Structure formats: structure tokens, C-alpha cells
C-alpha atoms as a PDB file:
ATOM      1  CA  UNK A   1      92.871 117.827 134.251  1.00  0.00           C
ATOM      2  CA  UNK A   2      89.715 116.830 136.190  1.00  0.00           C
ATOM      3  CA  UNK A   3      87.176 114.033 136.114  1.00  0.00           C
ATOM      4  CA  UNK A   4      83.457 114.365 135.716  1.00  0.00           C
ATOM      5  CA  UNK A   5      83.271 115.254 139.436  1.00  0.00           C
ATOM      6  CA  UNK A   6      85.735 117.979 139.176  1.00  0.00           C
ATOM      7  CA  UNK A   7      88.292 115.976 140.958  1.00  0.00           C
ATOM      8  CA  UNK A   8      91.949 116.564 139.905  1.00  0.00           C
ATOM      9  CA  UNK A   9      94.102 113.716 138.641  1.00  0.00           C
ATOM     10  CA  UNK A  10      96.859 114.744 141.039  1.00  0.00           C
ATOM     11  CA  UNK A  11      94.391 114.543 143.895  1.00  0.00           C
ATOM     12  CA  UNK A  12      93.395 110.914 143.012  1.00  0.00           C
ATOM     13  CA  UNK A  13      97.143 110.014 142.698  1.00  0.00           C
ATOM     14  CA  UNK A  14      97.915 111.443 146.075  1.00  0.00           C
ATOM     15  CA  UNK A  15      94.931 109.684 147.644  1.00  0.00           C
ATOM     16  CA  UNK A  16      96.083 106.371 146.218  1.00  0.00           C
ATOM     17  CA  UNK A  17      99.739 106.748 147.571  1.00  0.00           C
ATOM     18  CA  UNK A  18     101.512 107.735 144.534  1.00  0.00           C
ATOM     19  CA  UNK A  19     102.050 111.603 143.964  1.00  0.00           C
ATOM     20  CA  UNK A  20     102.200 113.318 140.618  1.00  0.00           C
ATOM     21  CA  UNK A  21     106.066 113.560 140.769  1.00  0.00           C
ATOM     22  CA  UNK A  22     106.411 109.793 141.269  1.00  0.00           C
ATOM     23  CA  UNK A  23     103.911 109.230 138.353  1.00  0.00           C
ATOM     24  CA  UNK A  24     105.765 111.363 135.891  1.00  0.00           C
ATOM     25  CA  UNK A  25     109.118 109.608 136.626  1.00  0.00           C
ATOM     26  CA  UNK A  26     107.624 106.040 136.316  1.00  0.00           C
ATOM     27  CA  UNK A  27     107.879 106.006 132.567  1.00  0.00           C
ATOM     28  CA  UNK A  28     109.867 102.875 131.177  1.00  0.00           C
ATOM     29  CA  UNK A  29     113.129 103.622 129.228  1.00  0.00           C
ATOM     30  CA  UNK A  30     112.211 102.904 125.542  1.00  0.00           C
ATOM     31  CA  UNK A  31     115.729 101.446 125.190  1.00  0.00           C
ATOM     32  CA  UNK A  32     114.838  98.627 127.475  1.00  0.00           C
ATOM     33  CA  UNK A  33     111.998  97.362 125.107  1.00  0.00           C
ATOM     34  CA  UNK A  34     113.031  94.836 122.560  1.00  0.00           C
ATOM     35  CA  UNK A  35     109.801  94.710 120.770  1.00  0.00           C
ATOM     36  CA  UNK A  36     105.958  94.985 121.201  1.00  0.00           C
ATOM     37  CA  UNK A  37     103.739  91.974 120.631  1.00  0.00           C
ATOM     38  CA  UNK A  38     100.008  92.287 120.352  1.00  0.00           C
ATOM     39  CA  UNK A  39      97.159  89.638 119.851  1.00  0.00           C
ATOM     40  CA  UNK A  40      93.813  90.708 119.133  1.00  0.00           C
ATOM     41  CA  UNK A  41      90.611  89.330 117.563  1.00  0.00           C
ATOM     42  CA  UNK A  42      90.414  90.275 113.910  1.00  0.00           C
ATOM     43  CA  UNK A  43      87.374  92.374 114.228  1.00  0.00           C
ATOM     44  CA  UNK A  44      86.434  91.346 110.746  1.00  0.00           C
ATOM     45  CA  UNK A  45      85.325  88.230 108.858  1.00  0.00           C
ATOM     46  CA  UNK A  46      88.486  87.276 106.757  1.00  0.00           C
ATOM     47  CA  UNK A  47      90.139  84.706 108.754  1.00  0.00           C
ATOM     48  CA  UNK A  48      86.735  82.877 109.243  1.00  0.00           C
ATOM     49  CA  UNK A  49      86.067  83.070 105.593  1.00  0.00           C
ATOM     50  CA  UNK A  50      89.367  81.535 104.828  1.00  0.00           C
ATOM     51  CA  UNK A  51      88.986  78.788 107.397  1.00  0.00           C
ATOM     52  CA  UNK A  52      92.001  80.060 109.491  1.00  0.00           C
ATOM     53  CA  UNK A  53      92.262  80.384 113.168  1.00  0.00           C
ATOM     54  CA  UNK A  54      95.144  83.138 113.216  1.00  0.00           C
ATOM     55  CA  UNK A  55      97.007  85.406 110.841  1.00  0.00           C
ATOM     56  CA  UNK A  56      99.974  87.658 110.730  1.00  0.00           C
ATOM     57  CA  UNK A  57      99.120  91.359 110.724  1.00  0.00           C
ATOM     58  CA  UNK A  58     101.217  93.378 108.170  1.00  0.00           C
ATOM     59  CA  UNK A  59     100.157  96.771 109.731  1.00  0.00           C
ATOM     60  CA  UNK A  60      97.524  99.104 110.815  1.00  0.00           C
ATOM     61  CA  UNK A  61      95.753 100.882 107.803  1.00  0.00           C
ATOM     62  CA  UNK A  62      96.032 104.454 106.969  1.00  0.00           C
ATOM     63  CA  UNK A  63      92.711 106.411 107.669  1.00  0.00           C
ATOM     64  CA  UNK A  64      91.072 109.355 105.979  1.00  0.00           C
ATOM     65  CA  UNK A  65      87.717 110.722 107.172  1.00  0.00           C
ATOM     66  CA  UNK A  66      85.703 113.488 105.491  1.00  0.00           C
ATOM     67  CA  UNK A  67      82.508 115.462 106.487  1.00  0.00           C
ATOM     68  CA  UNK A  68      80.400 116.149 103.431  1.00  0.00           C
ATOM     69  CA  UNK A  69      77.555 118.647 103.020  1.00  0.00           C
ATOM     70  CA  UNK A  70      75.328 118.632 100.154  1.00  0.00           C
ATOM     71  CA  UNK A  71      72.868 121.629  99.720  1.00  0.00           C
ATOM     72  CA  UNK A  72      69.771 121.795  97.390  1.00  0.00           C
ATOM     73  CA  UNK A  73      66.442 123.373  97.814  1.00  0.00           C
ATOM     74  CA  UNK A  74      63.950 122.469 100.458  1.00  0.00           C
ATOM     75  CA  UNK A  75      60.420 122.354  99.419  1.00  0.00           C
ATOM     76  CA  UNK A  76      57.101 120.818 100.014  1.00  0.00           C
ATOM     77  CA  UNK A  77      56.911 117.199  99.441  1.00  0.00           C
ATOM     78  CA  UNK A  78      53.539 117.199  97.783  1.00  0.00           C
ATOM     79  CA  UNK A  79      53.729 120.478  95.736  1.00  0.00           C
ATOM     80  CA  UNK A  80      57.185 120.275  94.143  1.00  0.00           C
ATOM     81  CA  UNK A  81      57.241 118.628  90.750  1.00  0.00           C
ATOM     82  CA  UNK A  82      59.832 115.806  90.586  1.00  0.00           C
ATOM     83  CA  UNK A  83      61.452 117.621  87.458  1.00  0.00           C
ATOM     84  CA  UNK A  84      61.894 120.810  89.342  1.00  0.00           C
ATOM     85  CA  UNK A  85      63.410 119.536  92.532  1.00  0.00           C
ATOM     86  CA  UNK A  86      67.013 119.960  93.693  1.00  0.00           C
ATOM     87  CA  UNK A  87      66.998 117.297  96.233  1.00  0.00           C
ATOM     88  CA  UNK A  88      70.214 116.903  98.108  1.00  0.00           C
ATOM     89  CA  UNK A  89      69.258 113.544  99.743  1.00  0.00           C
ATOM     90  CA  UNK A  90      68.560 112.029  96.388  1.00  0.00           C
ATOM     91  CA  UNK A  91      72.114 113.236  95.368  1.00  0.00           C
ATOM     92  CA  UNK A  92      73.603 111.955  98.552  1.00  0.00           C
ATOM     93  CA  UNK A  93      72.178 108.628  98.053  1.00  0.00           C
ATOM     94  CA  UNK A  94      73.972 108.671  94.458  1.00  0.00           C
ATOM     95  CA  UNK A  95      76.993 109.710  96.096  1.00  0.00           C
ATOM     96  CA  UNK A  96      76.750 106.925  98.801  1.00  0.00           C
ATOM     97  CA  UNK A  97      76.626 104.300  96.116  1.00  0.00           C
ATOM     98  CA  UNK A  98      79.546 105.814  94.328  1.00  0.00           C
ATOM     99  CA  UNK A  99      81.652 105.512  97.435  1.00  0.00           C
ATOM    100  CA  UNK A 100      80.951 101.859  97.443  1.00  0.00           C
ATOM    101  CA  UNK A 101      81.335 101.252  93.807  1.00  0.00           C
ATOM    102  CA  UNK A 102      84.734 103.104  93.601  1.00  0.00           C
ATOM    103  CA  UNK A 103      86.109 101.279  96.765  1.00  0.00           C
ATOM    104  CA  UNK A 104      84.913  97.932  95.342  1.00  0.00           C
ATOM    105  CA  UNK A 105      86.355  98.438  91.978  1.00  0.00           C
ATOM    106  CA  UNK A 106      89.834  99.179  93.323  1.00  0.00           C
ATOM    107  CA  UNK A 107      90.516  95.478  93.845  1.00  0.00           C
ATOM    108  CA  UNK A 108      92.829  96.138  96.699  1.00  0.00           C
ATOM    109  CA  UNK A 109      92.506  96.289 100.519  1.00  0.00           C
ATOM    110  CA  UNK A 110      90.851  99.637 100.401  1.00  0.00           C
ATOM    111  CA  UNK A 111      87.599 100.099 102.315  1.00  0.00           C
ATOM    112  CA  UNK A 112      85.257 102.986 102.244  1.00  0.00           C
ATOM    113  CA  UNK A 113      82.304 103.558 104.522  1.00  0.00           C
ATOM    114  CA  UNK A 114      79.554 106.119 104.890  1.00  0.00           C
ATOM    115  CA  UNK A 115      78.729 105.767 108.627  1.00  0.00           C
ATOM    116  CA  UNK A 116      76.661 108.886 109.452  1.00  0.00           C
ATOM    117  CA  UNK A 117      74.023 110.451 107.177  1.00  0.00           C
ATOM    118  CA  UNK A 118      71.537 113.274 108.327  1.00  0.00           C
ATOM    119  CA  UNK A 119      68.906 115.200 106.237  1.00  0.00           C
ATOM    120  CA  UNK A 120      67.777 118.614 107.258  1.00  0.00           C
ATOM    121  CA  UNK A 121      65.116 119.544 108.411  1.00  0.00           C
ATOM    122  CA  UNK A 122      64.262 115.810 108.656  1.00  0.00           C
ATOM    123  CA  UNK A 123      60.402 116.229 108.289  1.00  0.00           C
ATOM    124  CA  UNK A 124      58.457 113.485 106.359  1.00  0.00           C
ATOM    125  CA  UNK A 125      56.677 116.100 104.244  1.00  0.00           C
ATOM    126  CA  UNK A 126      59.732 118.434 103.356  1.00  0.00           C
ATOM    127  CA  UNK A 127      62.158 117.797 100.653  1.00  0.00           C
ATOM    128  CA  UNK A 128      65.418 118.245 102.421  1.00  0.00           C
ATOM    129  CA  UNK A 129      67.425 121.517 101.958  1.00  0.00           C
ATOM    130  CA  UNK A 130      70.757 119.925 103.194  1.00  0.00           C
ATOM    131  CA  UNK A 131      72.356 116.717 103.766  1.00  0.00           C
ATOM    132  CA  UNK A 132      75.344 115.971 105.917  1.00  0.00           C
ATOM    133  CA  UNK A 133      77.347 112.637 105.743  1.00  0.00           C
ATOM    134  CA  UNK A 134      80.728 111.243 106.563  1.00  0.00           C
ATOM    135  CA  UNK A 135      83.040 109.098 104.451  1.00  0.00           C
ATOM    136  CA  UNK A 136      85.924 106.900 105.982  1.00  0.00           C
ATOM    137  CA  UNK A 137      88.533 105.517 103.709  1.00  0.00           C
ATOM    138  CA  UNK A 138      91.122 103.022 104.810  1.00  0.00           C
ATOM    139  CA  UNK A 139      94.007 101.003 103.268  1.00  0.00           C
ATOM    140  CA  UNK A 140      97.362  99.474 104.421  1.00  0.00           C
ATOM    141  CA  UNK A 141      99.009 101.662 101.924  1.00  0.00           C
ATOM    142  CA  UNK A 142      98.617 105.430 101.862  1.00  0.00           C
ATOM    143  CA  UNK A 143      99.008 105.968  98.209  1.00  0.00           C
ATOM    144  CA  UNK A 144      95.993 103.509  97.542  1.00  0.00           C
ATOM    145  CA  UNK A 145      94.046 105.219 100.184  1.00  0.00           C
ATOM    146  CA  UNK A 146      94.727 108.681  98.788  1.00  0.00           C
ATOM    147  CA  UNK A 147      94.134 107.474  95.106  1.00  0.00           C
ATOM    148  CA  UNK A 148      90.712 106.086  95.943  1.00  0.00           C
ATOM    149  CA  UNK A 149      89.655 109.067  98.082  1.00  0.00           C
ATOM    150  CA  UNK A 150      90.539 111.419  95.262  1.00  0.00           C
ATOM    151  CA  UNK A 151      88.480 109.340  92.824  1.00  0.00           C
ATOM    152  CA  UNK A 152      85.518 109.366  95.354  1.00  0.00           C
ATOM    153  CA  UNK A 153      85.654 113.220  95.750  1.00  0.00           C
ATOM    154  CA  UNK A 154      85.758 113.717  92.174  1.00  0.00           C
ATOM    155  CA  UNK A 155      82.800 111.559  91.487  1.00  0.00           C
ATOM    156  CA  UNK A 156      80.921 113.398  94.228  1.00  0.00           C
ATOM    157  CA  UNK A 157      81.595 116.672  92.585  1.00  0.00           C
ATOM    158  CA  UNK A 158      80.334 115.216  89.138  1.00  0.00           C
ATOM    159  CA  UNK A 159      77.113 114.100  90.798  1.00  0.00           C
ATOM    160  CA  UNK A 160      76.533 117.372  92.584  1.00  0.00           C
ATOM    161  CA  UNK A 161      77.112 119.299  89.179  1.00  0.00           C
ATOM    162  CA  UNK A 162      74.703 116.905  87.365  1.00  0.00           C
ATOM    163  CA  UNK A 163      71.996 117.526  89.930  1.00  0.00           C
ATOM    164  CA  UNK A 164      72.546 121.415  90.370  1.00  0.00           C
ATOM    165  CA  UNK A 165      73.539 120.818  93.958  1.00  0.00           C
ATOM    166  CA  UNK A 166      76.169 122.503  96.158  1.00  0.00           C
ATOM    167  CA  UNK A 167      78.843 120.367  97.876  1.00  0.00           C
ATOM    168  CA  UNK A 168      81.489 121.102 100.621  1.00  0.00           C
ATOM    169  CA  UNK A 169      84.027 118.560 101.767  1.00  0.00           C
ATOM    170  CA  UNK A 170      86.122 118.886 104.928  1.00  0.00           C
ATOM    171  CA  UNK A 171      88.899 116.416 105.780  1.00  0.00           C
ATOM    172  CA  UNK A 172      88.663 115.854 109.523  1.00  0.00           C
ATOM    173  CA  UNK A 173      90.870 112.945 110.157  1.00  0.00           C
ATOM    174  CA  UNK A 174      94.154 111.743 108.446  1.00  0.00           C
ATOM    175  CA  UNK A 175      96.038 108.841 110.094  1.00  0.00           C
ATOM    176  CA  UNK A 176      99.105 107.437 108.419  1.00  0.00           C
ATOM    177  CA  UNK A 177      99.710 103.743 108.248  1.00  0.00           C
ATOM    178  CA  UNK A 178     101.522 102.118 110.895  1.00  0.00           C
ATOM    179  CA  UNK A 179     103.363  98.965 109.388  1.00  0.00           C
ATOM    180  CA  UNK A 180     104.555  96.052 111.525  1.00  0.00           C
ATOM    181  CA  UNK A 181     108.270  95.386 111.538  1.00  0.00           C
ATOM    182  CA  UNK A 182     109.277  93.108 108.442  1.00  0.00           C
ATOM    183  CA  UNK A 183     111.666  91.026 110.445  1.00  0.00           C
ATOM    184  CA  UNK A 184     109.043  90.367 113.222  1.00  0.00           C
ATOM    185  CA  UNK A 185     106.399  89.514 110.503  1.00  0.00           C
ATOM    186  CA  UNK A 186     108.641  86.962 109.215  1.00  0.00           C
ATOM    187  CA  UNK A 187     109.241  85.553 112.811  1.00  0.00           C
ATOM    188  CA  UNK A 188     105.521  85.401 113.226  1.00  0.00           C
ATOM    189  CA  UNK A 189     105.194  83.631 110.022  1.00  0.00           C
ATOM    190  CA  UNK A 190     107.629  80.989 111.214  1.00  0.00           C
ATOM    191  CA  UNK A 191     105.844  80.739 114.538  1.00  0.00           C
ATOM    192  CA  UNK A 192     102.607  80.007 112.579  1.00  0.00           C
ATOM    193  CA  UNK A 193     104.323  77.131 110.641  1.00  0.00           C
ATOM    194  CA  UNK A 194     105.750  75.890 113.927  1.00  0.00           C
ATOM    195  CA  UNK A 195     102.218  75.736 115.438  1.00  0.00           C
ATOM    196  CA  UNK A 196     100.910  73.750 112.466  1.00  0.00           C
ATOM    197  CA  UNK A 197      99.135  76.709 110.927  1.00  0.00           C
ATOM    198  CA  UNK A 198      99.019  78.087 107.344  1.00  0.00           C
ATOM    199  CA  UNK A 199     100.793  81.493 106.839  1.00  0.00           C
ATOM    200  CA  UNK A 200      98.266  84.192 106.144  1.00  0.00           C
ATOM    201  CA  UNK A 201      99.050  87.842 106.220  1.00  0.00           C
ATOM    202  CA  UNK A 202      96.285  90.632 106.472  1.00  0.00           C
ATOM    203  CA  UNK A 203      96.113  94.439 107.328  1.00  0.00           C
ATOM    204  CA  UNK A 204      94.229  95.662 110.238  1.00  0.00           C
ATOM    205  CA  UNK A 205      91.629  98.122 109.355  1.00  0.00           C
ATOM    206  CA  UNK A 206      91.136  99.144 112.979  1.00  0.00           C
ATOM    207  CA  UNK A 207      93.484 100.964 115.236  1.00  0.00           C
ATOM    208  CA  UNK A 208      95.283  99.163 117.977  1.00  0.00           C
ATOM    209  CA  UNK A 209      97.938  99.882 120.725  1.00  0.00           C
ATOM    210  CA  UNK A 210     100.662  98.743 118.326  1.00  0.00           C
ATOM    211  CA  UNK A 211     100.340 101.908 116.328  1.00  0.00           C
ATOM    212  CA  UNK A 212     101.288 103.931 119.534  1.00  0.00           C
ATOM    213  CA  UNK A 213     104.147 101.567 120.467  1.00  0.00           C
ATOM    214  CA  UNK A 214     105.685 101.769 116.866  1.00  0.00           C
ATOM    215  CA  UNK A 215     107.251 105.070 117.855  1.00  0.00           C
ATOM    216  CA  UNK A 216     109.200 103.369 120.594  1.00  0.00           C
ATOM    217  CA  UNK A 217     110.159  99.848 119.193  1.00  0.00           C
ATOM    218  CA  UNK A 218     109.551  97.267 116.494  1.00  0.00           C
ATOM    219  CA  UNK A 219     105.957  95.930 116.588  1.00  0.00           C
ATOM    220  CA  UNK A 220     104.292  92.605 115.639  1.00  0.00           C
ATOM    221  CA  UNK A 221     100.640  91.631 115.689  1.00  0.00           C
ATOM    222  CA  UNK A 222      98.591  88.320 115.603  1.00  0.00           C
ATOM    223  CA  UNK A 223      94.983  88.212 114.610  1.00  0.00           C
ATOM    224  CA  UNK A 224      92.617  85.654 116.039  1.00  0.00           C
ATOM    225  CA  UNK A 225      89.545  84.517 114.196  1.00  0.00           C
ATOM    226  CA  UNK A 226      86.189  85.788 115.591  1.00  0.00           C
ATOM    227  CA  UNK A 227      82.837  84.505 115.062  1.00  0.00           C
ATOM    228  CA  UNK A 228      81.106  86.269 112.171  1.00  0.00           C
ATOM    229  CA  UNK A 229      83.654  89.050 112.176  1.00  0.00           C
ATOM    230  CA  UNK A 230      81.606  90.545 115.016  1.00  0.00           C
ATOM    231  CA  UNK A 231      83.171  92.949 117.435  1.00  0.00           C
ATOM    232  CA  UNK A 232      82.159  95.646 119.914  1.00  0.00           C
ATOM    233  CA  UNK A 233      79.045  93.836 120.336  1.00  0.00           C
ATOM    234  CA  UNK A 234      77.638  91.392 122.996  1.00  0.00           C
ATOM    235  CA  UNK A 235      77.733  88.734 120.246  1.00  0.00           C
ATOM    236  CA  UNK A 236      81.466  88.917 120.029  1.00  0.00           C
ATOM    237  CA  UNK A 237      83.032  85.404 120.406  1.00  0.00           C
ATOM    238  CA  UNK A 238      86.276  83.632 120.076  1.00  0.00           C
ATOM    239  CA  UNK A 239      86.461  79.847 120.217  1.00  0.00           C
ATOM    240  CA  UNK A 240      88.681  78.592 123.013  1.00  0.00           C
ATOM    241  CA  UNK A 241      90.600  76.282 120.502  1.00  0.00           C
ATOM    242  CA  UNK A 242      91.557  79.352 118.592  1.00  0.00           C
ATOM    243  CA  UNK A 243      92.806  81.129 121.725  1.00  0.00           C
ATOM    244  CA  UNK A 244      94.955  78.028 122.390  1.00  0.00           C
ATOM    245  CA  UNK A 245      96.393  78.169 118.991  1.00  0.00           C
ATOM    246  CA  UNK A 246      97.226  81.753 119.345  1.00  0.00           C
ATOM    247  CA  UNK A 247      99.016  81.147 122.590  1.00  0.00           C
ATOM    248  CA  UNK A 248     101.150  78.496 120.824  1.00  0.00           C
ATOM    249  CA  UNK A 249     101.927  80.895 118.153  1.00  0.00           C
ATOM    250  CA  UNK A 250     102.866  83.680 120.624  1.00  0.00           C
ATOM    251  CA  UNK A 251     105.083  81.463 122.605  1.00  0.00           C
ATOM    252  CA  UNK A 252     106.875  80.203 119.447  1.00  0.00           C
ATOM    253  CA  UNK A 253     107.209  83.929 118.425  1.00  0.00           C
ATOM    254  CA  UNK A 254     108.863  84.886 121.685  1.00  0.00           C
ATOM    255  CA  UNK A 255     111.145  81.887 121.781  1.00  0.00           C
ATOM    256  CA  UNK A 256     112.392  82.825 118.103  1.00  0.00           C
ATOM    257  CA  UNK A 257     112.857  86.414 119.178  1.00  0.00           C
ATOM    258  CA  UNK A 258     114.984  85.414 122.046  1.00  0.00           C
ATOM    259  CA  UNK A 259     116.961  82.968 119.964  1.00  0.00           C
ATOM    260  CA  UNK A 260     117.632  85.656 117.375  1.00  0.00           C
ATOM    261  CA  UNK A 261     118.777  88.057 120.097  1.00  0.00           C
ATOM    262  CA  UNK A 262     120.971  85.541 121.560  1.00  0.00           C
ATOM    263  CA  UNK A 263     122.630  84.674 118.169  1.00  0.00           C
ATOM    264  CA  UNK A 264     123.249  88.349 117.530  1.00  0.00           C
ATOM    265  CA  UNK A 265     124.884  88.818 120.947  1.00  0.00           C
ATOM    266  CA  UNK A 266     127.057  85.737 120.453  1.00  0.00           C
ATOM    267  CA  UNK A 267     128.189  87.081 117.095  1.00  0.00           C
END
């Protein structure tokens, strides 16, 4: 592969003293990895809302993403009577509300988001002829994710039919859940108690390196409270006191993991 300047990766490796052959043989033996521990800001508001500095992560949520197109009839904004319109944007607005209502009504960890919406042709004096939008559905449990997604799509079809609109849905992303190791979660809970912190478990709605490491070894994650749940933003902030608590918990976790391994070896 090449970078934006058409320079090969192999050329860059050679320039920096490591040839491609050495790079390809530098992989670590997966059997040498006992476990993977990752600390990360929560990127959400739950810990702050609960007054907690840190929490044990149960796993990384399963994700589904859809691209939805709603088609109606474009027309002049001033000359088309309201009762004669087939407005896909008005229909899409009802669909967006349905996405929110269904996800909220599930009373689980399911979250659903419409993050992109585009009306065509996008002129202030034209009733749109088509609308494109995305739906992102996530949950720590794939069965809940799938159940809510099915309910959402069924409701969207009902709205389209009631408004005489055409709808097409394409699944563009499907990522399974990546649960953290149950034994390591217990060790993390013990480490929380050892650091004087209440035990709180929560799922990660965002992806993390742990989901890739899970194919190689058991994984554990610790979430740290962030101000306002803000992330990927210049306003992202973590209190130094919370970082210190997280370090204490991580140290306690590592010590407990080492003790457990030693006990097993002795047995």
C-alpha cells in the first residue's frame, strides 16, 4: 500500500532501518499474552450522573447500521396543496421520532440514533423528492439489538405505507458484541472495592481496542468518568483525582490477576 504521497510502506520501513521482512516477523506470540486490560474515558454521561469515578465494563455493544431512502413526489412549495403532497421529509421526520420512541420504550441498554439526514434536491422552495438517512442501533446483547431494529424497521414501513411513500433499507454495518471476560470482570469488581469504590458495571456503546484483542486473549476494561460525557471534542475532560483512582484500581486488578495465576501454578 501507499501513503498520500504515493510512497510505499515497505520503502518507509527500509528508510527507518526495519525492512518489511523484519516487520512481518515481529508479531508477538498470542500464547504469551495472559490478558488485555484497557482503561478509557466512558465517552458518555452515566458514571457522572451516578456520582461514580470509575466502572467495570461488561463488553462492547453489538452494532447495526442502516442506510434508509424514502421517496415521494417533488413539487413546488407554493403550488402543491398540503392534502395532495407525498412529502418524504415529513415522513422521514415521523420515522426519526419512531426510532427514538421505540429505543426508549425498550427499557434496556439499547440506543438508536439517526446521525445523518439529507433531503433532495435540498431547495427551500421545493418539496423534497427523496430523503436519505442513517440509523445506528447498539446494545450489549445482540438479541436485544436485533429485536429493537426489527421493530424500528417494521414501524418505518407502516409510516411509509400510511403516507404513500416508497422506502428502501440497506444494512451497511453489522458488528457483533464483544463481551469482556467474566472472571476478569469479577477481578475488576474486587479491585474497585479494594480502592474504596462502589461496584458499577456498564456496557460500552463505542468500539475499543479490546474488541480486537478479544480474539487473542481474555479482555477487561475500566471506564473513567468524563465531564458531561463529552468525547472527541476540545471540551473533553477528566479530573486528575479520577485518573488517580483509575490507576489504583488498575494496579489492584493486575496484582489480583498475578496472585490468581500464581495460585493456579502452585496447585
